[in-house]
Amino acid sequence: FAHVDAGKTTTTERILKLTGKIHK
């Protein structure tokens, strides 16, 4: 959680990429 535009959703995307849940 964070302020608008601090990068929460991008951070979530990276967690999924690193843990192998998404490839692109």
PDB file of all heavy atoms in Angstrom:
ATOM      1  N   PHE A   1       0.840  -1.197   0.000  1.00  0.00           N
ATOM      2  CA  PHE A   1       0.000   0.000   0.000  1.00  0.00           C
ATOM      3  C   PHE A   1       0.871   1.240   0.000  1.00  0.00           C
ATOM      4  O   PHE A   1       1.993   1.220   0.483  1.00  0.00           O
ATOM      5  CB  PHE A   1      -0.956  -0.002   1.199  1.00  0.00           C
ATOM      6  CG  PHE A   1      -0.293  -0.267   2.509  1.00  0.00           C
ATOM      7  CD1 PHE A   1       0.156   0.775   3.288  1.00  0.00           C
ATOM      8  CD2 PHE A   1      -0.100  -1.569   2.958  1.00  0.00           C
ATOM      9  CE1 PHE A   1       0.780   0.529   4.492  1.00  0.00           C
ATOM     10  CE2 PHE A   1       0.526  -1.812   4.169  1.00  0.00           C
ATOM     11  CZ  PHE A   1       0.967  -0.764   4.938  1.00  0.00           C
ATOM     12  N   ALA A   2       0.351   2.321  -0.573  1.00  0.00           N
ATOM     13  CA  ALA A   2       1.127   3.547  -0.708  1.00  0.00           C
ATOM     14  C   ALA A   2       0.293   4.626  -1.360  1.00  0.00           C
ATOM     15  O   ALA A   2      -0.857   4.421  -1.714  1.00  0.00           O
ATOM     16  CB  ALA A   2       2.353   3.288  -1.579  1.00  0.00           C
ATOM     17  N   HIS A   3       0.929   5.778  -1.564  1.00  0.00           N
ATOM     18  CA  HIS A   3       0.293   6.912  -2.225  1.00  0.00           C
ATOM     19  C   HIS A   3       0.093   6.602  -3.713  1.00  0.00           C
ATOM     20  O   HIS A   3       0.747   5.729  -4.262  1.00  0.00           O
ATOM     21  CB  HIS A   3       1.240   8.109  -2.077  1.00  0.00           C
ATOM     22  CG  HIS A   3       0.662   9.386  -2.571  1.00  0.00           C
ATOM     23  ND1 HIS A   3      -0.250  10.088  -1.844  1.00  0.00           N
ATOM     24  CD2 HIS A   3       0.854  10.079  -3.705  1.00  0.00           C
ATOM     25  CE1 HIS A   3      -0.581  11.168  -2.523  1.00  0.00           C
ATOM     26  NE2 HIS A   3       0.071  11.181  -3.649  1.00  0.00           N
ATOM     27  N   VAL A   4      -0.803   7.342  -4.355  1.00  0.00           N
ATOM     28  CA  VAL A   4      -0.990   7.220  -5.807  1.00  0.00           C
ATOM     29  C   VAL A   4       0.376   7.392  -6.486  1.00  0.00           C
ATOM     30  O   VAL A   4       1.126   8.311  -6.141  1.00  0.00           O
ATOM     31  CB  VAL A   4      -1.908   8.361  -6.308  1.00  0.00           C
ATOM     32  CG1 VAL A   4      -2.116   8.252  -7.802  1.00  0.00           C
ATOM     33  CG2 VAL A   4      -3.240   8.298  -5.593  1.00  0.00           C
ATOM     34  N   ASP A   5       0.693   6.507  -7.432  1.00  0.00           N
ATOM     35  CA  ASP A   5       1.911   6.646  -8.252  1.00  0.00           C
ATOM     36  C   ASP A   5       3.226   6.409  -7.531  1.00  0.00           C
ATOM     37  O   ASP A   5       4.265   6.840  -7.995  1.00  0.00           O
ATOM     38  CB  ASP A   5       1.996   8.049  -8.897  1.00  0.00           C
ATOM     39  CG  ASP A   5       1.130   8.122 -10.135  1.00  0.00           C
ATOM     40  OD1 ASP A   5       0.684   7.054 -10.570  1.00  0.00           O
ATOM     41  OD2 ASP A   5       0.908   9.220 -10.653  1.00  0.00           O
ATOM     42  N   ALA A   6       3.220   5.724  -6.368  1.00  0.00           N
ATOM     43  CA  ALA A   6       4.517   5.427  -5.749  1.00  0.00           C
ATOM     44  C   ALA A   6       5.067   4.131  -6.343  1.00  0.00           C
ATOM     45  O   ALA A   6       6.209   3.767  -6.118  1.00  0.00           O
ATOM     46  CB  ALA A   6       4.370   5.292  -4.243  1.00  0.00           C
ATOM     47  N   GLY A   7       4.223   3.393  -7.082  1.00  0.00           N
ATOM     48  CA  GLY A   7       4.706   2.183  -7.753  1.00  0.00           C
ATOM     49  C   GLY A   7       4.279   0.885  -7.099  1.00  0.00           C
ATOM     50  O   GLY A   7       4.979  -0.118  -7.169  1.00  0.00           O
ATOM     51  N   LYS A   8       3.107   0.875  -6.443  1.00  0.00           N
ATOM     52  CA  LYS A   8       2.643  -0.366  -5.793  1.00  0.00           C
ATOM     53  C   LYS A   8       2.420  -1.479  -6.806  1.00  0.00           C
ATOM     54  O   LYS A   8       2.866  -2.595  -6.637  1.00  0.00           O
ATOM     55  CB  LYS A   8       1.299  -0.141  -5.092  1.00  0.00           C
ATOM     56  CG  LYS A   8       1.320   0.831  -3.972  1.00  0.00           C
ATOM     57  CD  LYS A   8      -0.073   1.043  -3.447  1.00  0.00           C
ATOM     58  CE  LYS A   8      -0.981   1.683  -4.466  1.00  0.00           C
ATOM     59  NZ  LYS A   8      -0.543   2.982  -4.927  1.00  0.00           N
ATOM     60  N   THR A   9       1.675  -1.138  -7.877  1.00  0.00           N
ATOM     61  CA  THR A   9       1.287  -2.187  -8.828  1.00  0.00           C
ATOM     62  C   THR A   9       2.523  -2.718  -9.554  1.00  0.00           C
ATOM     63  O   THR A   9       2.663  -3.919  -9.774  1.00  0.00           O
ATOM     64  CB  THR A   9       0.237  -1.629  -9.802  1.00  0.00           C
ATOM     65  OG1 THR A   9      -0.870  -1.162  -9.022  1.00  0.00           O
ATOM     66  CG2 THR A   9      -0.261  -2.695 -10.751  1.00  0.00           C
ATOM     67  N   THR A  10       3.456  -1.813  -9.890  1.00  0.00           N
ATOM     68  CA  THR A  10       4.697  -2.251 -10.545  1.00  0.00           C
ATOM     69  C   THR A  10       5.477  -3.172  -9.603  1.00  0.00           C
ATOM     70  O   THR A  10       6.030  -4.191 -10.011  1.00  0.00           O
ATOM     71  CB  THR A  10       5.555  -1.018 -10.918  1.00  0.00           C
ATOM     72  OG1 THR A  10       4.734  -0.123 -11.661  1.00  0.00           O
ATOM     73  CG2 THR A  10       6.755  -1.404 -11.747  1.00  0.00           C
ATOM     74  N   THR A  11       5.495  -2.824  -8.312  1.00  0.00           N
ATOM     75  CA  THR A  11       6.192  -3.667  -7.328  1.00  0.00           C
ATOM     76  C   THR A  11       5.557  -5.057  -7.295  1.00  0.00           C
ATOM     77  O   THR A  11       6.255  -6.076  -7.277  1.00  0.00           O
ATOM     78  CB  THR A  11       6.120  -3.007  -5.930  1.00  0.00           C
ATOM     79  OG1 THR A  11       6.637  -1.679  -6.029  1.00  0.00           O
ATOM     80  CG2 THR A  11       6.922  -3.777  -4.914  1.00  0.00           C
ATOM     81  N   THR A  12       4.209  -5.100  -7.316  1.00  0.00           N
ATOM     82  CA  THR A  12       3.520  -6.397  -7.319  1.00  0.00           C
ATOM     83  C   THR A  12       3.899  -7.198  -8.568  1.00  0.00           C
ATOM     84  O   THR A  12       4.158  -8.402  -8.499  1.00  0.00           O
ATOM     85  CB  THR A  12       1.985  -6.186  -7.301  1.00  0.00           C
ATOM     86  OG1 THR A  12       1.671  -5.284  -6.249  1.00  0.00           O
ATOM     87  CG2 THR A  12       1.256  -7.487  -7.067  1.00  0.00           C
ATOM     88  N   GLU A  13       3.936  -6.506  -9.724  1.00  0.00           N
ATOM     89  CA  GLU A  13       4.321  -7.189 -10.977  1.00  0.00           C
ATOM     90  C   GLU A  13       5.707  -7.822 -10.835  1.00  0.00           C
ATOM     91  O   GLU A  13       5.955  -8.936 -11.271  1.00  0.00           O
ATOM     92  CB  GLU A  13       4.379  -6.168 -12.135  1.00  0.00           C
ATOM     93  CG  GLU A  13       3.032  -5.666 -12.592  1.00  0.00           C
ATOM     94  CD  GLU A  13       2.246  -6.732 -13.331  1.00  0.00           C
ATOM     95  OE1 GLU A  13       2.797  -7.383 -14.229  1.00  0.00           O
ATOM     96  OE2 GLU A  13       1.075  -6.929 -12.988  1.00  0.00           O
ATOM     97  N   ARG A  14       6.657  -7.080 -10.221  1.00  0.00           N
ATOM     98  CA  ARG A  14       8.029  -7.589 -10.084  1.00  0.00           C
ATOM     99  C   ARG A  14       8.069  -8.796  -9.155  1.00  0.00           C
ATOM    100  O   ARG A  14       8.811  -9.737  -9.372  1.00  0.00           O
ATOM    101  CB  ARG A  14       8.957  -6.502  -9.516  1.00  0.00           C
ATOM    102  CG  ARG A  14       9.145  -5.340 -10.439  1.00  0.00           C
ATOM    103  CD  ARG A  14       9.460  -5.808 -11.861  1.00  0.00           C
ATOM    104  NE  ARG A  14       9.616  -4.705 -12.767  1.00  0.00           N
ATOM    105  CZ  ARG A  14       8.664  -4.222 -13.521  1.00  0.00           C
ATOM    106  NH1 ARG A  14       7.457  -4.718 -13.467  1.00  0.00           N
ATOM    107  NH2 ARG A  14       8.905  -3.242 -14.364  1.00  0.00           N
ATOM    108  N   ILE A  15       7.247  -8.759  -8.099  1.00  0.00           N
ATOM    109  CA  ILE A  15       7.216  -9.900  -7.174  1.00  0.00           C
ATOM    110  C   ILE A  15       6.749 -11.129  -7.948  1.00  0.00           C
ATOM    111  O   ILE A  15       7.308 -12.219  -7.828  1.00  0.00           O
ATOM    112  CB  ILE A  15       6.281  -9.606  -5.982  1.00  0.00           C
ATOM    113  CG1 ILE A  15       6.912  -8.519  -5.100  1.00  0.00           C
ATOM    114  CG2 ILE A  15       6.031 -10.865  -5.160  1.00  0.00           C
ATOM    115  CD1 ILE A  15       6.061  -8.081  -3.922  1.00  0.00           C
ATOM    116  N   LEU A  16       5.727 -10.947  -8.799  1.00  0.00           N
ATOM    117  CA  LEU A  16       5.195 -12.082  -9.563  1.00  0.00           C
ATOM    118  C   LEU A  16       6.230 -12.582 -10.573  1.00  0.00           C
ATOM    119  O   LEU A  16       6.349 -13.776 -10.825  1.00  0.00           O
ATOM    120  CB  LEU A  16       3.911 -11.674 -10.298  1.00  0.00           C
ATOM    121  CG  LEU A  16       2.733 -11.333  -9.383  1.00  0.00           C
ATOM    122  CD1 LEU A  16       1.520 -10.933 -10.195  1.00  0.00           C
ATOM    123  CD2 LEU A  16       2.386 -12.506  -8.489  1.00  0.00           C
ATOM    124  N   LYS A  17       6.986 -11.652 -11.157  1.00  0.00           N
ATOM    125  CA  LYS A  17       8.003 -12.043 -12.140  1.00  0.00           C
ATOM    126  C   LYS A  17       9.108 -12.840 -11.438  1.00  0.00           C
ATOM    127  O   LYS A  17       9.529 -13.904 -11.880  1.00  0.00           O
ATOM    128  CB  LYS A  17       8.571 -10.775 -12.784  1.00  0.00           C
ATOM    129  CG  LYS A  17       9.788 -10.996 -13.668  1.00  0.00           C
ATOM    130  CD  LYS A  17       9.400 -11.385 -15.075  1.00  0.00           C
ATOM    131  CE  LYS A  17      10.583 -11.386 -16.018  1.00  0.00           C
ATOM    132  NZ  LYS A  17      11.086 -12.696 -16.330  1.00  0.00           N
ATOM    133  N   LEU A  18       9.563 -12.311 -10.297  1.00  0.00           N
ATOM    134  CA  LEU A  18      10.657 -12.962  -9.587  1.00  0.00           C
ATOM    135  C   LEU A  18      10.259 -14.334  -9.059  1.00  0.00           C
ATOM    136  O   LEU A  18      11.069 -15.233  -8.961  1.00  0.00           O
ATOM    137  CB  LEU A  18      11.095 -12.099  -8.395  1.00  0.00           C
ATOM    138  CG  LEU A  18      12.092 -10.997  -8.727  1.00  0.00           C
ATOM    139  CD1 LEU A  18      12.281 -10.100  -7.529  1.00  0.00           C
ATOM    140  CD2 LEU A  18      13.431 -11.594  -9.129  1.00  0.00           C
ATOM    141  N   THR A  19       8.978 -14.475  -8.668  1.00  0.00           N
ATOM    142  CA  THR A  19       8.559 -15.748  -8.090  1.00  0.00           C
ATOM    143  C   THR A  19       8.067 -16.688  -9.189  1.00  0.00           C
ATOM    144  O   THR A  19       7.487 -17.729  -8.902  1.00  0.00           O
ATOM    145  CB  THR A  19       7.442 -15.532  -7.058  1.00  0.00           C
ATOM    146  OG1 THR A  19       6.378 -14.806  -7.681  1.00  0.00           O
ATOM    147  CG2 THR A  19       7.930 -14.741  -5.870  1.00  0.00           C
ATOM    148  N   GLY A  20       8.264 -16.271 -10.452  1.00  0.00           N
ATOM    149  CA  GLY A  20       7.954 -17.175 -11.560  1.00  0.00           C
ATOM    150  C   GLY A  20       6.480 -17.305 -11.880  1.00  0.00           C
ATOM    151  O   GLY A  20       6.062 -18.239 -12.552  1.00  0.00           O
ATOM    152  N   LYS A  21       5.640 -16.366 -11.400  1.00  0.00           N
ATOM    153  CA  LYS A  21       4.199 -16.494 -11.664  1.00  0.00           C
ATOM    154  C   LYS A  21       3.826 -15.939 -13.031  1.00  0.00           C
ATOM    155  O   LYS A  21       2.838 -16.318 -13.627  1.00  0.00           O
ATOM    156  CB  LYS A  21       3.385 -15.752 -10.589  1.00  0.00           C
ATOM    157  CG  LYS A  21       3.140 -16.598  -9.362  1.00  0.00           C
ATOM    158  CD  LYS A  21       2.291 -17.811  -9.675  1.00  0.00           C
ATOM    159  CE  LYS A  21       2.220 -18.743  -8.493  1.00  0.00           C
ATOM    160  NZ  LYS A  21       1.668 -20.035  -8.779  1.00  0.00           N
ATOM    161  N   ILE A  22       4.575 -14.923 -13.499  1.00  0.00           N
ATOM    162  CA  ILE A  22       4.290 -14.418 -14.845  1.00  0.00           C
ATOM    163  C   ILE A  22       5.606 -14.366 -15.606  1.00  0.00           C
ATOM    164  O   ILE A  22       6.665 -14.179 -15.016  1.00  0.00           O
ATOM    165  CB  ILE A  22       3.662 -12.998 -14.832  1.00  0.00           C
ATOM    166  CG1 ILE A  22       4.433 -12.049 -13.889  1.00  0.00           C
ATOM    167  CG2 ILE A  22       2.206 -13.028 -14.442  1.00  0.00           C
ATOM    168  CD1 ILE A  22       3.957 -10.624 -13.945  1.00  0.00           C
ATOM    169  N   HIS A  23       5.549 -14.531 -16.904  1.00  0.00           N
ATOM    170  CA  HIS A  23       6.791 -14.564 -17.682  1.00  0.00           C
ATOM    171  C   HIS A  23       7.020 -13.245 -18.391  1.00  0.00           C
ATOM    172  O   HIS A  23       8.120 -12.757 -18.502  1.00  0.00           O
ATOM    173  CB  HIS A  23       6.756 -15.731 -18.659  1.00  0.00           C
ATOM    174  CG  HIS A  23       6.588 -17.026 -17.913  1.00  0.00           C
ATOM    175  ND1 HIS A  23       7.560 -17.509 -17.060  1.00  0.00           N
ATOM    176  CD2 HIS A  23       5.549 -17.883 -17.822  1.00  0.00           C
ATOM    177  CE1 HIS A  23       7.127 -18.634 -16.493  1.00  0.00           C
ATOM    178  NE2 HIS A  23       5.901 -18.874 -16.939  1.00  0.00           N
ATOM    179  N   LYS A  24       5.916 -12.638 -18.862  1.00  0.00           N
ATOM    180  CA  LYS A  24       6.064 -11.320 -19.498  1.00  0.00           C
ATOM    181  C   LYS A  24       5.552 -10.296 -18.490  1.00  0.00           C
ATOM    182  O   LYS A  24       4.458 -10.431 -17.956  1.00  0.00           O
ATOM    183  CB  LYS A  24       5.201 -11.279 -20.761  1.00  0.00           C
ATOM    184  CG  LYS A  24       5.114  -9.907 -21.381  1.00  0.00           C
ATOM    185  CD  LYS A  24       4.118  -9.908 -22.527  1.00  0.00           C
ATOM    186  CE  LYS A  24       3.861  -8.514 -23.031  1.00  0.00           C
ATOM    187  NZ  LYS A  24       3.183  -7.631 -22.092  1.00  0.00           N
TER     188      LYS A  24
END
